[in-house]
Amino acid sequence: MFEGKVVRFNKQRGFGFINDGESDIFFFADSVLNREDFYIQEGLSVSFEIAPGYKGPQAVNITIVNEESAD
């Protein structure tokens, strides 16, 4: 498992990027496992796995570590 923070998220299109400290990794909103009552936003800490995607690596099996935004 890797850890990082959501650095960009496009709510209308349902995708964003997570920074793991080295690079930005693409993700789809439906890859977030614990998002029932949750609004995905920039600054969230997450843990995730990396899988091959259509245009390169992407984050999958994303779990939210906290729901507080980093200001």
C-alpha atoms as a PDB file:
ATOM      1  CA  MET A   1       0.000   0.000   0.000  1.00  0.00           C
ATOM      2  CA  PHE A   2       1.088   3.529  -0.801  1.00  0.00           C
ATOM      3  CA  GLU A   3       0.050   6.738   0.948  1.00  0.00           C
ATOM      4  CA  GLY A   4      -0.522  10.206  -0.425  1.00  0.00           C
ATOM      5  CA  LYS A   5      -2.851  13.189  -0.652  1.00  0.00           C
ATOM      6  CA  VAL A   6      -5.473  14.148  -3.195  1.00  0.00           C
ATOM      7  CA  VAL A   7      -3.984  17.126  -5.034  1.00  0.00           C
ATOM      8  CA  ARG A   8      -6.634  17.627  -7.739  1.00  0.00           C
ATOM      9  CA  PHE A   9     -10.164  16.349  -8.190  1.00  0.00           C
ATOM     10  CA  ASN A  10     -12.715  17.107 -10.893  1.00  0.00           C
ATOM     11  CA  LYS A  11     -16.131  16.331  -9.416  1.00  0.00           C
ATOM     12  CA  GLN A  12     -18.000  16.727 -12.734  1.00  0.00           C
ATOM     13  CA  ARG A  13     -15.750  14.256 -14.562  1.00  0.00           C
ATOM     14  CA  GLY A  14     -15.161  11.897 -11.607  1.00  0.00           C
ATOM     15  CA  PHE A  15     -11.387  11.714 -11.620  1.00  0.00           C
ATOM     16  CA  GLY A  16      -8.354  13.295  -9.998  1.00  0.00           C
ATOM     17  CA  PHE A  17      -4.750  12.895  -8.947  1.00  0.00           C
ATOM     18  CA  ILE A  18      -3.031  11.706  -5.772  1.00  0.00           C
ATOM     19  CA  ASN A  19       0.520  12.805  -4.957  1.00  0.00           C
ATOM     20  CA  ASP A  20       2.617  10.143  -3.242  1.00  0.00           C
ATOM     21  CA  GLY A  21       5.516  12.482  -2.521  1.00  0.00           C
ATOM     22  CA  GLU A  22       7.228  11.749  -5.836  1.00  0.00           C
ATOM     23  CA  SER A  23       4.628  12.060  -8.570  1.00  0.00           C
ATOM     24  CA  ASP A  24       0.929  12.554  -9.298  1.00  0.00           C
ATOM     25  CA  ILE A  25      -1.059   9.366  -9.869  1.00  0.00           C
ATOM     26  CA  PHE A  26      -4.391   9.334 -11.707  1.00  0.00           C
ATOM     27  CA  PHE A  27      -7.539   7.904 -10.065  1.00  0.00           C
ATOM     28  CA  PHE A  28     -11.234   7.483 -10.775  1.00  0.00           C
ATOM     29  CA  ALA A  29     -13.727   8.433  -8.025  1.00  0.00           C
ATOM     30  CA  ASP A  30     -15.256   4.942  -8.094  1.00  0.00           C
ATOM     31  CA  SER A  31     -11.875   3.536  -6.960  1.00  0.00           C
ATOM     32  CA  VAL A  32     -12.423   5.110  -3.505  1.00  0.00           C
ATOM     33  CA  LEU A  33     -13.663   2.291  -1.264  1.00  0.00           C
ATOM     34  CA  ASN A  34     -15.056   4.159   1.775  1.00  0.00           C
ATOM     35  CA  ARG A  35     -16.861   7.102   0.218  1.00  0.00           C
ATOM     36  CA  GLU A  36     -20.533   6.503   1.155  1.00  0.00           C
ATOM     37  CA  ASP A  37     -21.164   9.798   2.947  1.00  0.00           C
ATOM     38  CA  PHE A  38     -18.077  11.401   1.639  1.00  0.00           C
ATOM     39  CA  TYR A  39     -17.128  14.268  -0.567  1.00  0.00           C
ATOM     40  CA  ILE A  40     -13.759  13.746  -2.272  1.00  0.00           C
ATOM     41  CA  GLN A  41     -11.710  16.918  -1.974  1.00  0.00           C
ATOM     42  CA  GLU A  42      -8.177  18.184  -2.281  1.00  0.00           C
ATOM     43  CA  GLY A  43      -5.953  17.650   0.754  1.00  0.00           C
ATOM     44  CA  LEU A  44      -7.392  14.301   1.860  1.00  0.00           C
ATOM     45  CA  SER A  45      -4.920  11.690   3.047  1.00  0.00           C
ATOM     46  CA  VAL A  46      -5.442   8.319   1.381  1.00  0.00           C
ATOM     47  CA  SER A  47      -3.829   4.918   1.080  1.00  0.00           C
ATOM     48  CA  PHE A  48      -3.970   3.084  -2.243  1.00  0.00           C
ATOM     49  CA  GLU A  49      -2.540   0.463  -4.547  1.00  0.00           C
ATOM     50  CA  ILE A  50      -1.190   1.068  -8.039  1.00  0.00           C
ATOM     51  CA  ALA A  51      -2.369  -0.838 -11.110  1.00  0.00           C
ATOM     52  CA  PRO A  52      -1.671  -0.424 -14.808  1.00  0.00           C
ATOM     53  CA  GLY A  53      -4.169   1.873 -16.494  1.00  0.00           C
ATOM     54  CA  TYR A  54      -4.959   2.752 -20.083  1.00  0.00           C
ATOM     55  CA  LYS A  55      -2.450   5.633 -20.193  1.00  0.00           C
ATOM     56  CA  GLY A  56      -0.112   4.586 -17.392  1.00  0.00           C
ATOM     57  CA  PRO A  57      -0.282   3.713 -13.701  1.00  0.00           C
ATOM     58  CA  GLN A  58      -3.400   4.601 -11.739  1.00  0.00           C
ATOM     59  CA  ALA A  59      -4.462   4.407  -8.106  1.00  0.00           C
ATOM     60  CA  VAL A  60      -6.977   1.686  -7.168  1.00  0.00           C
ATOM     61  CA  ASN A  61      -8.472   0.343  -3.922  1.00  0.00           C
ATOM     62  CA  ILE A  62      -8.222   3.818  -2.407  1.00  0.00           C
ATOM     63  CA  THR A  63      -9.047   4.151   1.290  1.00  0.00           C
ATOM     64  CA  ILE A  64      -9.516   7.514   2.972  1.00  0.00           C
ATOM     65  CA  VAL A  65      -7.216   7.893   5.966  1.00  0.00           C
ATOM     66  CA  ASN A  66      -8.905  11.072   7.231  1.00  0.00           C
ATOM     67  CA  GLU A  67     -11.655  13.394   6.107  1.00  0.00           C
ATOM     68  CA  GLU A  68     -10.001  16.676   7.027  1.00  0.00           C
ATOM     69  CA  SER A  69      -8.767  18.997   4.369  1.00  0.00           C
ATOM     70  CA  ALA A  70      -5.230  20.299   4.626  1.00  0.00           C
ATOM     71  CA  ASP A  71      -5.397  24.082   4.459  1.00  0.00           C
END
